[in-house]
Amino acid sequence: MSTQTTPDDGSNTIKDPDTWTTGDEPATGAQMSYLKTLMGEAKQDFDESKEITKADASKLIEELRGKNARVQETE
C-alpha cells in the first residue's frame, strides 16, 4: 500500500490520512462511488453497506489506484 507524503516543496497539501482530524468520520459519497468503480475494475466485491472511515477509504483508494492499469496510464 502506498503511503502519502508531503511534497518536497514543503507544502502541506498532502497529508497522511491517519493524521486527518476528520479521518474518523464516515467516508464521503464521492469516496464510496470511486471505491465502487475501482473495486469493480479490480474484479473485487464491493459491500456498500459496510461503513468505513474517510481515512480508511482514502488508503484503500490509493492502494487500488496503484494496482489499476487504466489509472496508471493517465498519470
N, C-alpha and C. Protein backbone atom coordinates (compact mmCIF):
# COMPACT_ATOMS: atom_id res chain seq x y z
N MET A 1 0.84 -1.16 0.00
CA MET A 1 0.00 0.00 0.00
C MET A 1 0.89 1.23 0.00
N SER A 2 0.52 2.24 -0.81
CA SER A 2 1.33 3.44 -0.87
C SER A 2 1.02 4.33 0.31
N THR A 3 2.02 5.06 0.73
CA THR A 3 1.85 6.00 1.81
C THR A 3 1.96 7.39 1.24
N GLN A 4 0.99 8.24 1.55
CA GLN A 4 1.04 9.60 1.07
C GLN A 4 2.02 10.39 1.92
N THR A 5 2.84 11.17 1.27
CA THR A 5 3.79 12.01 1.98
C THR A 5 3.64 13.43 1.48
N THR A 6 4.21 14.35 2.20
CA THR A 6 4.13 15.73 1.76
C THR A 6 5.10 15.93 0.61
N PRO A 7 4.77 16.83 -0.30
CA PRO A 7 5.65 17.11 -1.43
C PRO A 7 6.98 17.68 -0.96
N ASP A 8 7.99 17.57 -1.81
CA ASP A 8 9.32 18.07 -1.48
C ASP A 8 9.36 19.59 -1.35
N ASP A 9 8.34 20.29 -1.85
CA ASP A 9 8.36 21.74 -1.80
C ASP A 9 8.01 22.29 -0.42
N GLY A 10 7.76 21.42 0.55
CA GLY A 10 7.48 21.85 1.90
C GLY A 10 6.03 22.20 2.17
N SER A 11 5.18 22.11 1.15
CA SER A 11 3.77 22.44 1.38
C SER A 11 3.11 21.33 2.19
N ASN A 12 1.96 21.65 2.72
CA ASN A 12 1.24 20.64 3.49
C ASN A 12 -0.07 20.27 2.81
N THR A 13 -0.09 20.28 1.49
CA THR A 13 -1.32 19.99 0.76
C THR A 13 -1.67 18.51 0.75
N ILE A 14 -0.71 17.65 0.97
CA ILE A 14 -0.97 16.21 1.02
C ILE A 14 -0.59 15.74 2.42
N LYS A 15 -1.58 15.15 3.10
CA LYS A 15 -1.37 14.70 4.47
C LYS A 15 -1.70 13.22 4.60
N ASP A 16 -1.04 12.58 5.53
CA ASP A 16 -1.30 11.18 5.83
C ASP A 16 -2.71 11.06 6.39
N PRO A 17 -3.55 10.20 5.80
CA PRO A 17 -4.93 10.05 6.29
C PRO A 17 -5.01 9.71 7.78
N ASP A 18 -3.99 9.08 8.32
CA ASP A 18 -4.02 8.74 9.74
C ASP A 18 -3.95 9.98 10.64
N THR A 19 -3.55 11.12 10.08
CA THR A 19 -3.45 12.35 10.87
C THR A 19 -4.60 13.32 10.62
N TRP A 20 -5.54 12.96 9.74
CA TRP A 20 -6.66 13.84 9.44
C TRP A 20 -7.53 14.02 10.69
N THR A 21 -7.95 15.25 10.93
CA THR A 21 -8.84 15.49 12.07
C THR A 21 -10.23 14.93 11.80
N THR A 22 -10.61 14.79 10.54
CA THR A 22 -11.93 14.23 10.20
C THR A 22 -11.82 12.79 9.69
N GLY A 23 -10.67 12.19 9.87
CA GLY A 23 -10.44 10.84 9.34
C GLY A 23 -11.34 9.77 9.91
N ASP A 24 -11.86 10.01 11.12
CA ASP A 24 -12.74 9.01 11.75
C ASP A 24 -14.20 9.15 11.33
N GLU A 25 -14.50 10.19 10.55
CA GLU A 25 -15.87 10.36 10.06
C GLU A 25 -16.16 9.36 8.95
N PRO A 26 -17.44 9.09 8.71
CA PRO A 26 -17.78 8.14 7.63
C PRO A 26 -17.27 8.64 6.27
N ALA A 27 -16.91 7.69 5.41
CA ALA A 27 -16.45 8.02 4.06
C ALA A 27 -17.50 8.84 3.34
N THR A 28 -17.05 9.72 2.46
CA THR A 28 -17.98 10.56 1.71
C THR A 28 -18.63 9.75 0.59
N GLY A 29 -19.70 10.30 0.05
CA GLY A 29 -20.36 9.65 -1.09
C GLY A 29 -19.42 9.52 -2.27
N ALA A 30 -18.62 10.55 -2.50
CA ALA A 30 -17.67 10.52 -3.62
C ALA A 30 -16.63 9.42 -3.41
N GLN A 31 -16.14 9.28 -2.20
CA GLN A 31 -15.17 8.21 -1.92
C GLN A 31 -15.79 6.84 -2.17
N MET A 32 -17.02 6.65 -1.68
CA MET A 32 -17.68 5.36 -1.84
C MET A 32 -17.93 5.05 -3.31
N SER A 33 -18.32 6.06 -4.07
CA SER A 33 -18.56 5.87 -5.50
C SER A 33 -17.26 5.48 -6.22
N TYR A 34 -16.18 6.17 -5.90
CA TYR A 34 -14.90 5.88 -6.55
C TYR A 34 -14.40 4.49 -6.14
N LEU A 35 -14.58 4.14 -4.88
CA LEU A 35 -14.20 2.79 -4.43
C LEU A 35 -14.98 1.73 -5.20
N LYS A 36 -16.27 1.96 -5.39
CA LYS A 36 -17.09 1.01 -6.13
C LYS A 36 -16.55 0.83 -7.54
N THR A 37 -16.19 1.93 -8.19
CA THR A 37 -15.63 1.87 -9.54
C THR A 37 -14.31 1.11 -9.56
N LEU A 38 -13.40 1.49 -8.67
CA LEU A 38 -12.08 0.85 -8.64
C LEU A 38 -12.17 -0.63 -8.28
N MET A 39 -13.02 -0.96 -7.34
CA MET A 39 -13.16 -2.37 -6.95
C MET A 39 -13.80 -3.18 -8.06
N GLY A 40 -14.73 -2.60 -8.79
CA GLY A 40 -15.32 -3.28 -9.93
C GLY A 40 -14.29 -3.57 -11.00
N GLU A 41 -13.43 -2.59 -11.27
CA GLU A 41 -12.37 -2.78 -12.25
C GLU A 41 -11.35 -3.81 -11.79
N ALA A 42 -11.19 -3.93 -10.47
CA ALA A 42 -10.26 -4.92 -9.92
C ALA A 42 -10.92 -6.28 -9.73
N LYS A 43 -12.19 -6.39 -10.16
CA LYS A 43 -12.95 -7.64 -10.03
C LYS A 43 -13.05 -8.08 -8.56
N GLN A 44 -13.21 -7.10 -7.68
CA GLN A 44 -13.38 -7.36 -6.26
C GLN A 44 -14.80 -6.98 -5.86
N ASP A 45 -15.36 -7.72 -4.91
CA ASP A 45 -16.69 -7.40 -4.42
C ASP A 45 -16.65 -6.11 -3.61
N PHE A 46 -17.71 -5.34 -3.74
CA PHE A 46 -17.82 -4.09 -3.01
C PHE A 46 -19.09 -4.11 -2.19
N ASP A 47 -18.94 -4.05 -0.89
CA ASP A 47 -20.08 -4.06 0.03
C ASP A 47 -20.40 -2.62 0.43
N GLU A 48 -21.37 -2.03 -0.24
CA GLU A 48 -21.73 -0.63 0.02
C GLU A 48 -22.31 -0.44 1.42
N SER A 49 -22.79 -1.51 2.03
CA SER A 49 -23.39 -1.38 3.35
C SER A 49 -22.33 -1.32 4.46
N LYS A 50 -21.11 -1.70 4.14
CA LYS A 50 -20.03 -1.66 5.13
C LYS A 50 -19.60 -0.22 5.32
N GLU A 51 -19.66 0.26 6.55
CA GLU A 51 -19.26 1.63 6.84
C GLU A 51 -17.75 1.67 7.07
N ILE A 52 -17.09 2.60 6.36
CA ILE A 52 -15.67 2.80 6.57
C ILE A 52 -15.43 4.29 6.77
N THR A 53 -14.29 4.60 7.35
CA THR A 53 -13.97 6.00 7.63
C THR A 53 -13.37 6.68 6.40
N LYS A 54 -13.33 8.00 6.45
CA LYS A 54 -12.71 8.77 5.38
C LYS A 54 -11.25 8.35 5.20
N ALA A 55 -10.54 8.19 6.31
CA ALA A 55 -9.13 7.83 6.24
C ALA A 55 -8.94 6.44 5.62
N ASP A 56 -9.74 5.48 6.05
CA ASP A 56 -9.63 4.13 5.50
C ASP A 56 -10.00 4.10 4.02
N ALA A 57 -11.02 4.87 3.65
CA ALA A 57 -11.42 4.94 2.24
C ALA A 57 -10.27 5.52 1.41
N SER A 58 -9.64 6.56 1.91
CA SER A 58 -8.54 7.18 1.18
C SER A 58 -7.39 6.20 0.98
N LYS A 59 -7.05 5.46 2.03
CA LYS A 59 -5.95 4.49 1.92
C LYS A 59 -6.31 3.38 0.94
N LEU A 60 -7.55 2.91 0.97
CA LEU A 60 -7.97 1.86 0.05
C LEU A 60 -7.98 2.37 -1.39
N ILE A 61 -8.41 3.59 -1.59
CA ILE A 61 -8.39 4.19 -2.93
C ILE A 61 -6.96 4.24 -3.46
N GLU A 62 -6.02 4.69 -2.65
CA GLU A 62 -4.62 4.77 -3.08
C GLU A 62 -4.08 3.38 -3.42
N GLU A 63 -4.43 2.39 -2.61
CA GLU A 63 -3.99 1.02 -2.87
C GLU A 63 -4.54 0.51 -4.20
N LEU A 64 -5.83 0.71 -4.42
CA LEU A 64 -6.46 0.23 -5.65
C LEU A 64 -5.96 0.99 -6.87
N ARG A 65 -5.73 2.29 -6.73
CA ARG A 65 -5.19 3.08 -7.85
C ARG A 65 -3.81 2.57 -8.25
N GLY A 66 -3.02 2.15 -7.28
CA GLY A 66 -1.69 1.63 -7.57
C GLY A 66 -1.70 0.33 -8.34
N LYS A 67 -2.81 -0.39 -8.28
CA LYS A 67 -2.95 -1.67 -8.96
C LYS A 67 -3.75 -1.57 -10.26
N ASN A 68 -4.26 -0.39 -10.59
CA ASN A 68 -5.18 -0.21 -11.70
C ASN A 68 -4.43 0.30 -12.94
N ALA A 69 -4.36 -0.52 -13.95
CA ALA A 69 -3.64 -0.16 -15.19
C ALA A 69 -4.23 1.06 -15.86
N ARG A 70 -5.56 1.20 -15.86
CA ARG A 70 -6.18 2.36 -16.50
C ARG A 70 -5.76 3.66 -15.81
N VAL A 71 -5.76 3.64 -14.50
CA VAL A 71 -5.37 4.83 -13.73
C VAL A 71 -3.88 5.13 -13.96
N GLN A 72 -3.06 4.10 -13.99
CA GLN A 72 -1.63 4.27 -14.18
C GLN A 72 -1.33 4.93 -15.52
N GLU A 73 -2.12 4.61 -16.54
CA GLU A 73 -1.90 5.16 -17.87
C GLU A 73 -2.20 6.65 -17.94
N THR A 74 -3.08 7.15 -17.06
CA THR A 74 -3.48 8.55 -17.12
C THR A 74 -2.62 9.44 -16.23
N GLU A 75 -1.77 8.88 -15.41
CA GLU A 75 -0.95 9.69 -14.50
C GLU A 75 0.35 10.09 -15.16
